[in-house]
Structure formats: C-alpha cells, structure tokens
N, C-alpha and C. Protein backbone atom coordinates (compact mmCIF):
# COMPACT_ATOMS: atom_id res chain seq x y z
N MET A 1 -6.32 21.70 25.92
CA MET A 1 -7.48 21.06 25.58
C MET A 1 -7.69 19.47 25.85
N GLU A 2 -8.66 19.12 26.20
CA GLU A 2 -8.84 17.67 26.48
C GLU A 2 -9.17 16.87 25.38
N ILE A 3 -8.73 15.84 25.17
CA ILE A 3 -8.74 14.83 23.82
C ILE A 3 -9.49 13.76 24.47
N SER A 4 -10.70 13.45 23.99
CA SER A 4 -11.68 12.41 24.29
C SER A 4 -11.17 11.03 23.88
N ALA A 5 -11.51 9.99 24.43
CA ALA A 5 -11.32 8.61 23.95
C ALA A 5 -11.97 8.50 22.58
N GLN A 6 -13.25 8.96 22.57
CA GLN A 6 -13.93 8.90 21.10
C GLN A 6 -13.14 9.50 20.03
N GLN A 7 -12.58 10.67 20.40
CA GLN A 7 -11.91 11.42 19.29
C GLN A 7 -10.58 10.48 18.71
N VAL A 8 -9.91 9.89 19.80
CA VAL A 8 -8.83 9.14 19.45
C VAL A 8 -9.30 7.79 18.69
N LYS A 9 -10.25 7.32 19.15
CA LYS A 9 -10.81 5.92 18.35
C LYS A 9 -11.07 6.43 16.88
N SER A 10 -11.83 7.59 16.90
CA SER A 10 -12.35 7.84 15.36
C SER A 10 -11.30 8.27 14.50
N LEU A 11 -10.02 8.85 15.01
CA LEU A 11 -8.85 9.09 14.18
C LEU A 11 -8.15 7.76 13.95
N ARG A 12 -8.28 7.05 14.80
CA ARG A 12 -7.41 5.62 14.71
C ARG A 12 -8.13 4.80 13.63
N GLU A 13 -9.41 4.81 13.54
CA GLU A 13 -10.21 4.18 12.70
C GLU A 13 -9.82 4.57 11.31
N GLN A 14 -9.68 5.92 11.16
CA GLN A 14 -9.42 6.72 9.99
C GLN A 14 -8.08 6.43 9.30
N SER A 15 -6.97 6.34 10.40
CA SER A 15 -5.68 6.31 10.08
C SER A 15 -5.04 4.97 10.03
N GLY A 16 -5.43 4.23 10.94
CA GLY A 16 -4.96 2.97 11.30
C GLY A 16 -3.64 3.07 12.06
N ALA A 17 -3.51 4.30 12.69
CA ALA A 17 -2.12 4.52 13.27
C ALA A 17 -2.47 3.89 14.94
N GLY A 18 -1.33 4.07 15.80
CA GLY A 18 -1.43 3.60 16.92
C GLY A 18 -2.31 4.56 18.04
N ILE A 19 -2.66 4.00 19.19
CA ILE A 19 -3.37 4.94 19.95
C ILE A 19 -2.68 6.07 20.61
N MET A 20 -1.47 5.95 20.82
CA MET A 20 -0.73 7.14 21.50
C MET A 20 -0.36 7.98 20.44
N ASP A 21 -0.08 7.42 19.02
CA ASP A 21 0.16 8.32 17.98
C ASP A 21 -0.88 9.22 17.62
N CYS A 22 -2.22 8.68 17.75
CA CYS A 22 -3.36 9.39 17.42
C CYS A 22 -3.53 10.58 18.44
N ARG A 23 -3.48 10.09 19.69
CA ARG A 23 -3.68 11.13 20.82
C ARG A 23 -2.49 11.98 20.87
N ASN A 24 -1.27 11.91 20.32
CA ASN A 24 -0.33 12.95 20.45
C ASN A 24 -0.64 13.81 19.13
N ALA A 25 -1.00 13.33 18.10
CA ALA A 25 -1.32 14.11 16.82
C ALA A 25 -2.61 15.03 17.23
N LEU A 26 -3.56 14.51 17.75
CA LEU A 26 -4.80 15.20 18.28
C LEU A 26 -4.35 16.40 19.12
N THR A 27 -3.70 16.20 19.95
CA THR A 27 -3.17 16.98 21.06
C THR A 27 -2.28 18.28 20.46
N SER A 28 -1.38 17.84 19.65
CA SER A 28 -0.66 18.92 19.01
C SER A 28 -1.48 19.78 18.14
N CYS A 29 -2.58 19.33 17.57
CA CYS A 29 -3.37 20.10 16.66
C CYS A 29 -4.59 20.49 17.29
N LYS A 30 -4.52 20.57 18.51
CA LYS A 30 -5.78 21.11 19.44
C LYS A 30 -7.05 20.55 19.03
N GLY A 31 -7.26 19.24 18.53
CA GLY A 31 -8.33 18.59 18.49
C GLY A 31 -8.80 18.49 16.83
N ASN A 32 -8.06 19.23 16.02
CA ASN A 32 -8.17 19.44 14.69
C ASN A 32 -8.01 17.99 13.90
N VAL A 33 -8.95 17.25 13.43
CA VAL A 33 -8.68 15.91 12.97
C VAL A 33 -7.99 15.86 11.60
N ASP A 34 -8.23 16.93 10.70
CA ASP A 34 -7.88 17.00 9.54
C ASP A 34 -6.30 17.12 9.49
N LYS A 35 -5.77 18.05 10.50
CA LYS A 35 -4.52 18.28 10.68
C LYS A 35 -3.97 17.13 11.30
N ALA A 36 -4.56 16.57 12.29
CA ALA A 36 -4.02 15.21 12.86
C ALA A 36 -3.81 14.21 11.90
N LEU A 37 -4.75 14.01 10.86
CA LEU A 37 -4.56 12.92 9.88
C LEU A 37 -3.13 13.39 8.93
N GLU A 38 -2.96 14.67 8.69
CA GLU A 38 -1.78 15.15 7.96
C GLU A 38 -0.60 14.74 8.74
N ILE A 39 -0.71 15.04 10.07
CA ILE A 39 0.66 14.85 10.70
C ILE A 39 0.89 13.35 10.71
N LEU A 40 -0.17 12.37 10.97
CA LEU A 40 0.08 10.83 10.88
C LEU A 40 0.47 10.37 9.58
N LYS A 41 0.10 10.99 8.55
CA LYS A 41 0.50 10.65 7.18
C LYS A 41 1.91 10.93 7.04
N GLU A 42 2.32 12.08 7.36
CA GLU A 42 3.81 12.55 7.25
C GLU A 42 4.62 11.45 8.18
N LYS A 43 4.16 11.10 9.32
CA LYS A 43 4.86 10.35 10.19
C LYS A 43 4.94 8.95 9.51
N GLY A 44 4.08 8.56 8.77
CA GLY A 44 4.20 7.12 8.29
C GLY A 44 5.01 7.21 6.90
N LEU A 45 5.06 8.26 6.22
CA LEU A 45 6.01 8.39 5.23
C LEU A 45 7.40 8.36 5.73
N THR A 46 7.67 9.00 6.76
CA THR A 46 9.17 8.95 7.49
C THR A 46 9.43 7.71 7.91
N LYS A 47 8.43 6.81 8.51
CA LYS A 47 8.64 5.51 9.00
C LYS A 47 9.00 4.79 7.88
N ALA A 48 8.28 4.87 6.64
CA ALA A 48 8.45 3.85 5.63
C ALA A 48 9.65 4.12 4.85
N ALA A 49 10.21 5.57 4.70
CA ALA A 49 11.47 5.87 4.21
C ALA A 49 12.68 5.22 4.94
N LYS A 50 12.42 5.18 6.41
CA LYS A 50 13.53 4.50 7.20
C LYS A 50 13.51 3.10 7.16
N LYS A 51 12.73 2.45 6.76
CA LYS A 51 12.57 1.00 6.64
C LYS A 51 12.86 0.52 5.23
N SER A 52 13.09 1.31 4.24
CA SER A 52 13.22 0.91 2.84
C SER A 52 14.26 0.16 2.62
N ASN A 53 15.42 0.13 3.41
CA ASN A 53 16.59 -0.76 2.98
C ASN A 53 16.54 -1.87 3.82
N ARG A 54 15.49 -2.34 4.53
CA ARG A 54 15.58 -3.54 5.31
C ARG A 54 15.32 -4.75 4.48
N ALA A 55 15.78 -5.83 4.74
CA ALA A 55 15.70 -6.96 4.07
C ALA A 55 14.14 -7.53 4.19
N THR A 56 13.56 -8.09 2.81
CA THR A 56 12.37 -8.55 2.97
C THR A 56 12.35 -9.89 2.55
N GLY A 57 12.51 -11.05 3.57
CA GLY A 57 12.65 -12.27 3.14
C GLY A 57 11.51 -13.01 3.27
N SER A 58 10.21 -12.71 3.91
CA SER A 58 9.15 -13.32 4.08
C SER A 58 7.99 -12.76 3.23
N GLY A 59 6.72 -13.18 3.27
CA GLY A 59 5.55 -12.51 2.69
C GLY A 59 4.90 -13.49 2.35
N LEU A 60 4.14 -13.34 1.09
CA LEU A 60 3.20 -14.21 0.51
C LEU A 60 2.87 -14.17 -0.99
N ILE A 61 2.35 -15.19 -1.55
CA ILE A 61 1.92 -15.17 -2.99
C ILE A 61 0.39 -15.03 -2.92
N GLU A 62 -0.34 -14.01 -3.78
CA GLU A 62 -1.61 -13.84 -3.61
C GLU A 62 -2.16 -13.95 -5.03
N SER A 63 -3.13 -14.54 -5.31
CA SER A 63 -3.85 -14.79 -6.52
C SER A 63 -5.20 -14.16 -6.54
N TYR A 64 -5.67 -13.82 -7.77
CA TYR A 64 -7.20 -13.16 -7.87
C TYR A 64 -7.44 -13.59 -9.41
N ILE A 65 -8.66 -14.27 -9.46
CA ILE A 65 -9.44 -14.62 -10.70
C ILE A 65 -10.80 -13.82 -10.77
N HIS A 66 -10.80 -13.06 -11.56
CA HIS A 66 -11.92 -12.35 -11.91
C HIS A 66 -13.26 -13.10 -12.03
N THR A 67 -14.43 -12.67 -11.79
CA THR A 67 -15.60 -13.46 -11.58
C THR A 67 -15.92 -14.28 -13.07
N ALA A 68 -15.66 -13.61 -13.94
CA ALA A 68 -15.98 -14.35 -15.28
C ALA A 68 -14.94 -15.33 -15.56
N GLY A 69 -13.89 -15.57 -14.90
CA GLY A 69 -12.80 -16.35 -15.03
C GLY A 69 -11.92 -16.38 -16.33
N ARG A 70 -12.12 -14.98 -16.90
CA ARG A 70 -11.22 -14.59 -18.19
C ARG A 70 -9.91 -14.05 -17.77
N ILE A 71 -9.85 -13.54 -16.56
CA ILE A 71 -8.65 -12.69 -16.25
C ILE A 71 -8.14 -13.09 -14.89
N GLY A 72 -7.00 -13.52 -14.80
CA GLY A 72 -6.30 -13.83 -13.23
C GLY A 72 -5.10 -13.06 -13.35
N SER A 73 -4.54 -13.00 -11.82
CA SER A 73 -3.18 -12.41 -11.80
C SER A 73 -2.65 -13.04 -10.23
N ILE A 74 -1.28 -13.13 -10.38
CA ILE A 74 -0.72 -13.66 -9.25
C ILE A 74 0.34 -12.46 -8.90
N ILE A 75 0.62 -12.34 -7.67
CA ILE A 75 1.60 -11.14 -7.09
C ILE A 75 2.46 -11.88 -5.89
N GLU A 76 3.69 -11.65 -5.86
CA GLU A 76 4.40 -11.84 -4.77
C GLU A 76 4.79 -10.50 -4.02
N VAL A 77 4.36 -10.59 -2.63
CA VAL A 77 4.68 -9.51 -1.80
C VAL A 77 5.31 -9.82 -0.79
N ASN A 78 6.44 -9.08 -0.32
CA ASN A 78 7.40 -9.49 0.64
C ASN A 78 7.61 -8.58 1.83
N CYS A 79 7.57 -9.11 3.07
CA CYS A 79 7.79 -8.29 4.15
C CYS A 79 9.10 -8.74 5.00
N GLU A 80 9.32 -8.36 6.12
CA GLU A 80 10.36 -8.70 6.83
C GLU A 80 10.30 -9.87 7.69
N THR A 81 9.00 -10.20 8.28
CA THR A 81 8.62 -11.40 8.95
C THR A 81 7.51 -12.15 8.60
N ASP A 82 7.54 -13.39 8.82
CA ASP A 82 6.08 -14.27 8.64
C ASP A 82 5.16 -13.75 9.45
N PHE A 83 5.13 -13.31 10.68
CA PHE A 83 4.33 -12.82 11.51
C PHE A 83 3.55 -11.80 11.01
N VAL A 84 4.33 -10.62 10.25
CA VAL A 84 3.38 -9.60 9.58
C VAL A 84 2.77 -10.25 8.24
N ALA A 85 3.30 -11.26 7.72
CA ALA A 85 2.66 -11.89 6.31
C ALA A 85 1.56 -12.31 6.87
N ARG A 86 1.23 -12.77 8.00
CA ARG A 86 -0.07 -13.48 8.41
C ARG A 86 -1.17 -12.46 8.90
N THR A 87 -0.73 -11.27 8.95
CA THR A 87 -1.62 -10.32 9.63
C THR A 87 -2.78 -10.01 8.47
N ASP A 88 -4.00 -9.58 9.00
CA ASP A 88 -4.98 -9.10 8.17
C ASP A 88 -4.63 -8.00 7.26
N GLU A 89 -3.84 -7.10 7.82
CA GLU A 89 -3.64 -5.83 6.99
C GLU A 89 -2.79 -6.22 5.81
N PHE A 90 -1.78 -7.11 5.90
CA PHE A 90 -0.93 -7.45 5.02
C PHE A 90 -1.71 -8.25 3.74
N LYS A 91 -2.56 -9.22 4.40
CA LYS A 91 -3.32 -10.15 3.55
C LYS A 91 -4.14 -9.36 2.72
N GLU A 92 -4.93 -8.41 3.13
CA GLU A 92 -5.78 -7.63 2.47
C GLU A 92 -5.18 -6.60 1.41
N MET A 93 -4.06 -5.95 1.97
CA MET A 93 -3.16 -5.32 0.83
C MET A 93 -2.74 -6.15 -0.07
N ALA A 94 -2.30 -7.38 -0.08
CA ALA A 94 -1.86 -8.35 -1.19
C ALA A 94 -3.08 -8.59 -1.91
N HIS A 95 -4.18 -9.02 -1.45
CA HIS A 95 -5.38 -9.34 -2.44
C HIS A 95 -5.76 -8.06 -3.12
N CYS A 96 -5.74 -6.88 -2.59
CA CYS A 96 -6.01 -5.69 -3.36
C CYS A 96 -5.06 -5.58 -4.46
N LEU A 97 -3.80 -5.80 -4.33
CA LEU A 97 -2.77 -5.58 -5.17
C LEU A 97 -2.95 -6.56 -6.27
N ALA A 98 -3.29 -7.94 -6.15
CA ALA A 98 -3.66 -8.91 -7.11
C ALA A 98 -4.93 -8.45 -8.01
N MET A 99 -5.97 -7.73 -7.29
CA MET A 99 -7.01 -7.29 -7.86
C MET A 99 -6.53 -6.11 -8.83
N GLN A 100 -5.72 -5.30 -8.27
CA GLN A 100 -5.14 -4.23 -9.29
C GLN A 100 -4.43 -4.51 -10.47
N VAL A 101 -3.46 -5.51 -10.33
CA VAL A 101 -2.93 -6.06 -11.47
C VAL A 101 -3.90 -6.73 -12.51
N ALA A 102 -5.00 -7.47 -12.00
CA ALA A 102 -5.96 -8.06 -12.91
C ALA A 102 -6.73 -6.82 -13.71
N ALA A 103 -6.99 -5.85 -13.05
CA ALA A 103 -8.03 -4.82 -13.45
C ALA A 103 -7.25 -3.79 -14.45
N MET A 104 -5.79 -3.36 -13.94
CA MET A 104 -5.44 -2.26 -14.59
C MET A 104 -4.11 -2.84 -15.52
N ASN A 105 -3.83 -4.02 -15.45
CA ASN A 105 -2.91 -4.64 -16.40
C ASN A 105 -1.49 -3.62 -16.44
N PRO A 106 -0.91 -3.50 -15.34
CA PRO A 106 0.57 -2.63 -15.35
C PRO A 106 1.57 -3.71 -16.01
N LYS A 107 2.61 -3.03 -16.49
CA LYS A 107 3.82 -3.87 -16.96
C LYS A 107 4.89 -3.90 -16.14
N TYR A 108 5.06 -2.94 -15.35
CA TYR A 108 6.36 -2.86 -14.52
C TYR A 108 5.80 -2.55 -12.98
N ILE A 109 6.66 -2.87 -12.07
CA ILE A 109 6.51 -2.55 -10.86
C ILE A 109 6.69 -1.09 -10.53
N SER A 110 7.85 -0.47 -11.02
CA SER A 110 7.82 1.05 -10.71
C SER A 110 8.68 1.51 -11.88
N GLU A 111 8.98 2.90 -11.88
CA GLU A 111 9.59 3.53 -13.14
C GLU A 111 10.82 3.06 -13.43
N LYS A 112 11.57 2.77 -12.48
CA LYS A 112 13.06 2.24 -12.70
C LYS A 112 13.07 0.95 -13.31
N ASP A 113 11.81 0.14 -13.58
CA ASP A 113 11.81 -1.12 -14.30
C ASP A 113 11.54 -0.79 -15.78
N ILE A 114 11.27 0.18 -16.09
CA ILE A 114 11.01 0.43 -17.45
C ILE A 114 12.18 0.51 -18.35
N PRO A 115 12.34 -0.27 -19.26
CA PRO A 115 13.62 -0.44 -20.28
C PRO A 115 14.01 0.96 -20.87
N GLU A 116 15.20 1.28 -21.12
CA GLU A 116 15.33 2.61 -21.60
C GLU A 116 14.80 2.85 -22.96
N ASP A 117 14.77 1.75 -23.78
CA ASP A 117 14.33 2.04 -25.15
C ASP A 117 12.71 2.11 -25.12
N LYS A 118 12.08 1.97 -24.01
CA LYS A 118 10.68 1.94 -24.12
C LYS A 118 10.29 3.13 -23.27
N ALA A 119 11.30 3.61 -22.50
CA ALA A 119 10.90 4.90 -21.56
C ALA A 119 10.11 6.25 -22.20
N ASN A 120 10.33 6.67 -23.44
CA ASN A 120 9.74 7.57 -24.19
C ASN A 120 8.34 7.14 -24.79
N ASP A 121 8.21 5.92 -25.00
CA ASP A 121 6.92 5.28 -25.62
C ASP A 121 5.81 5.15 -24.62
N VAL A 122 6.08 5.13 -23.31
CA VAL A 122 5.01 4.75 -22.47
C VAL A 122 4.68 5.94 -21.33
N VAL A 123 3.51 5.84 -20.76
CA VAL A 123 3.13 6.82 -19.65
C VAL A 123 3.42 5.90 -18.44
N ALA A 124 4.28 6.61 -17.74
CA ALA A 124 4.67 5.67 -16.39
C ALA A 124 3.55 5.39 -15.31
N ALA A 125 2.72 6.42 -15.43
CA ALA A 125 1.45 6.34 -14.43
C ALA A 125 0.49 5.22 -14.92
N GLU A 126 0.45 4.87 -16.01
CA GLU A 126 -0.39 3.89 -16.84
C GLU A 126 0.28 2.53 -16.60
N VAL A 127 1.59 2.21 -16.83
CA VAL A 127 2.26 1.02 -16.78
C VAL A 127 3.00 0.62 -15.73
N CYS A 128 3.19 1.35 -14.76
CA CYS A 128 3.78 1.29 -13.51
C CYS A 128 2.93 1.04 -12.30
N LEU A 129 2.91 -0.33 -11.70
CA LEU A 129 1.87 -0.64 -10.70
C LEU A 129 1.88 0.36 -9.45
N MET A 130 3.16 0.79 -9.03
CA MET A 130 3.26 1.63 -7.70
C MET A 130 2.82 3.06 -8.28
N LEU A 131 2.72 3.47 -9.37
CA LEU A 131 2.14 4.84 -9.82
C LEU A 131 0.69 4.97 -10.12
N GLN A 132 0.03 3.70 -10.37
CA GLN A 132 -1.43 3.62 -10.79
C GLN A 132 -2.28 4.09 -9.62
N PRO A 133 -3.36 4.76 -10.11
CA PRO A 133 -4.36 4.96 -9.02
C PRO A 133 -4.92 3.74 -8.55
N PHE A 134 -5.32 3.63 -6.98
CA PHE A 134 -5.74 2.42 -6.46
C PHE A 134 -7.13 2.25 -6.90
N ILE A 135 -7.59 1.12 -7.43
CA ILE A 135 -8.95 0.92 -7.84
C ILE A 135 -10.23 1.17 -6.81
N LYS A 136 -9.66 0.75 -5.59
CA LYS A 136 -10.68 1.09 -4.38
C LYS A 136 -10.96 2.69 -4.07
N ASP A 137 -9.81 3.33 -4.14
CA ASP A 137 -9.61 4.68 -3.76
C ASP A 137 -8.59 5.43 -4.99
N PRO A 138 -9.36 5.99 -5.79
CA PRO A 138 -8.33 6.61 -6.82
C PRO A 138 -7.74 7.96 -6.16
N THR A 139 -7.98 8.44 -5.14
CA THR A 139 -7.28 9.54 -4.50
C THR A 139 -5.92 9.01 -4.00
N LYS A 140 -5.54 7.79 -3.93
CA LYS A 140 -4.44 7.20 -3.58
C LYS A 140 -3.73 6.42 -4.78
N THR A 141 -2.48 6.33 -4.85
CA THR A 141 -1.58 5.40 -5.86
C THR A 141 -1.34 4.09 -4.99
N ILE A 142 -1.10 3.24 -5.76
CA ILE A 142 -0.60 2.00 -4.96
C ILE A 142 0.63 2.09 -4.22
N GLY A 143 1.48 3.11 -4.44
CA GLY A 143 2.66 3.45 -3.67
C GLY A 143 2.05 3.86 -2.38
N ASP A 144 1.10 4.69 -2.36
CA ASP A 144 0.58 5.09 -1.10
C ASP A 144 -0.20 4.01 -0.14
N VAL A 145 -0.75 3.05 -0.81
CA VAL A 145 -1.34 1.98 -0.12
C VAL A 145 -0.22 1.24 0.67
N VAL A 146 0.96 0.84 -0.32
CA VAL A 146 1.95 0.17 0.47
C VAL A 146 2.69 0.97 1.63
N THR A 147 2.88 2.28 1.53
CA THR A 147 3.38 3.01 2.45
C THR A 147 2.50 3.15 3.69
N GLU A 148 1.10 3.18 3.51
CA GLU A 148 0.41 3.14 4.78
C GLU A 148 0.65 1.75 5.33
N THR A 149 0.44 0.50 4.64
CA THR A 149 0.52 -0.57 5.21
C THR A 149 2.06 -0.82 5.91
N ILE A 150 3.04 -0.10 5.47
CA ILE A 150 4.40 -0.11 6.10
C ILE A 150 4.14 0.41 7.45
N ALA A 151 3.42 1.79 7.49
CA ALA A 151 3.47 2.35 8.62
C ALA A 151 2.53 1.69 9.70
N LYS A 152 1.43 0.92 9.20
CA LYS A 152 0.78 0.25 10.04
C LYS A 152 1.43 -0.99 10.66
N THR A 153 2.24 -1.69 9.65
CA THR A 153 2.78 -3.10 10.19
C THR A 153 4.17 -2.88 10.91
N GLY A 154 4.76 -1.66 10.62
CA GLY A 154 6.04 -1.53 11.24
C GLY A 154 7.16 -2.18 10.58
N GLU A 155 6.98 -2.76 9.29
CA GLU A 155 7.66 -3.31 8.64
C GLU A 155 8.00 -2.92 7.08
N ASN A 156 9.31 -3.21 6.41
CA ASN A 156 9.32 -2.86 5.10
C ASN A 156 8.46 -3.81 4.37
N ILE A 157 7.87 -3.50 3.25
CA ILE A 157 7.16 -4.27 2.28
C ILE A 157 7.68 -3.91 0.60
N LYS A 158 7.66 -5.09 0.03
CA LYS A 158 8.09 -4.70 -1.40
C LYS A 158 7.20 -5.71 -2.45
N ILE A 159 6.96 -5.10 -3.44
CA ILE A 159 6.51 -6.07 -4.39
C ILE A 159 7.74 -6.50 -5.35
N SER A 160 7.57 -7.85 -5.37
CA SER A 160 8.86 -8.56 -5.97
C SER A 160 8.50 -8.79 -7.57
N ARG A 161 7.07 -9.38 -7.73
CA ARG A 161 6.91 -9.65 -9.16
C ARG A 161 5.46 -9.93 -9.35
N PHE A 162 4.86 -9.68 -10.49
CA PHE A 162 3.47 -10.19 -10.50
C PHE A 162 3.40 -10.68 -12.11
N LEU A 163 2.31 -11.52 -12.34
CA LEU A 163 1.98 -11.99 -13.62
C LEU A 163 0.36 -11.72 -13.77
N ARG A 164 0.06 -11.32 -14.94
CA ARG A 164 -1.45 -11.16 -15.39
C ARG A 164 -1.83 -12.12 -16.60
N TYR A 165 -2.76 -12.91 -16.34
CA TYR A 165 -3.36 -13.71 -17.62
C TYR A 165 -4.70 -13.36 -17.94
N GLU A 166 -4.84 -13.19 -19.44
CA GLU A 166 -6.06 -13.03 -19.73
C GLU A 166 -6.42 -14.06 -20.86
N LEU A 167 -7.70 -14.88 -20.89
CA LEU A 167 -8.06 -15.59 -21.74
C LEU A 167 -7.70 -15.23 -23.23
N GLY A 168 -7.14 -16.09 -23.96
CA GLY A 168 -7.06 -15.67 -25.39
C GLY A 168 -5.82 -14.92 -25.70
N GLU A 169 -5.00 -14.39 -24.65
CA GLU A 169 -3.68 -13.64 -24.92
C GLU A 169 -2.56 -14.40 -25.03
C-alpha cells in the first residue's frame, strides 16, 4: 500500500514523532492511523524507559501566576542538555506543568515521595503530580505528558521540585 505524504504529515501532527517513524508506522499498519498512533506511543514509552537513567543536569525553572494573582507556582524541570531546555516543546511542557501545580495543588512528585506515615491517608492520584490527570487533556496523566516530551526531544526529563503559593496560606 502506498502511504501519501499527507497521511504522514497528519500522523506527525497528531503524534509529534519523526517523519520516518510515522511513515514506518503507517506502512506496518497498512495506513490505519489509529494503529499507527498506538505503535508510535509504545515506541515512545520504550524510548523513555531507555533514557530514564541518564543524568539531567540542564533544564529550566518555570513560574505561573494565576490571572487573579492569588495563586502562583514555580517548578524545576530538568533535561540532559541546554539545547533541549531551549526548545519550544520543553518550554511549553514546563509552562503546562507550572499551571498544573497551581491548579491541582499536588503535594509530591510521585508515589515514592509520599512519606510512609501518610501513605494510607492519601489518594496517590490526587496528591502526586505525575499521577494527576493533565488539566488540558484529562485522558492523559502528567506522567504521559512527560513521557511524550521525552519521546519528542530524545532526552531524559525529570521534575525535580515545585512550590505552590496561595494568598493567605
């Protein structure tokens, strides 16, 4: 089956994957876009898992102040190189994460950060940033958003820390 450039372009816009990855996924699925998206997602998860042990010495600190000025957040997101830290994908993800912290008020980055004495008293999906539904697309978790960005940038990404301020707290 012949895969058109328009099909590749459409899949690339949906997935953010590279041109050849999109073309190969479409070819292996005989043009089925949904199956190709699944293949690309699995490939992205595999790439992210392989990169998880790499050092993240660069990155940026992003802040967000809610329009009313009553809530603000600041987050440190790390990656491997300053080149990736300057990309639009990375900056956009960091900004969305800062908004997520302001909106959802997580207490911990992941489940492993919950103290043992509080583990039975909290719902991990509510208090762990990585497990929370993404405010811009509730079908994804923050962990999914970070994994997708790892697949797009080709570098390991970690959230190091965050703070949230609310007026009067």
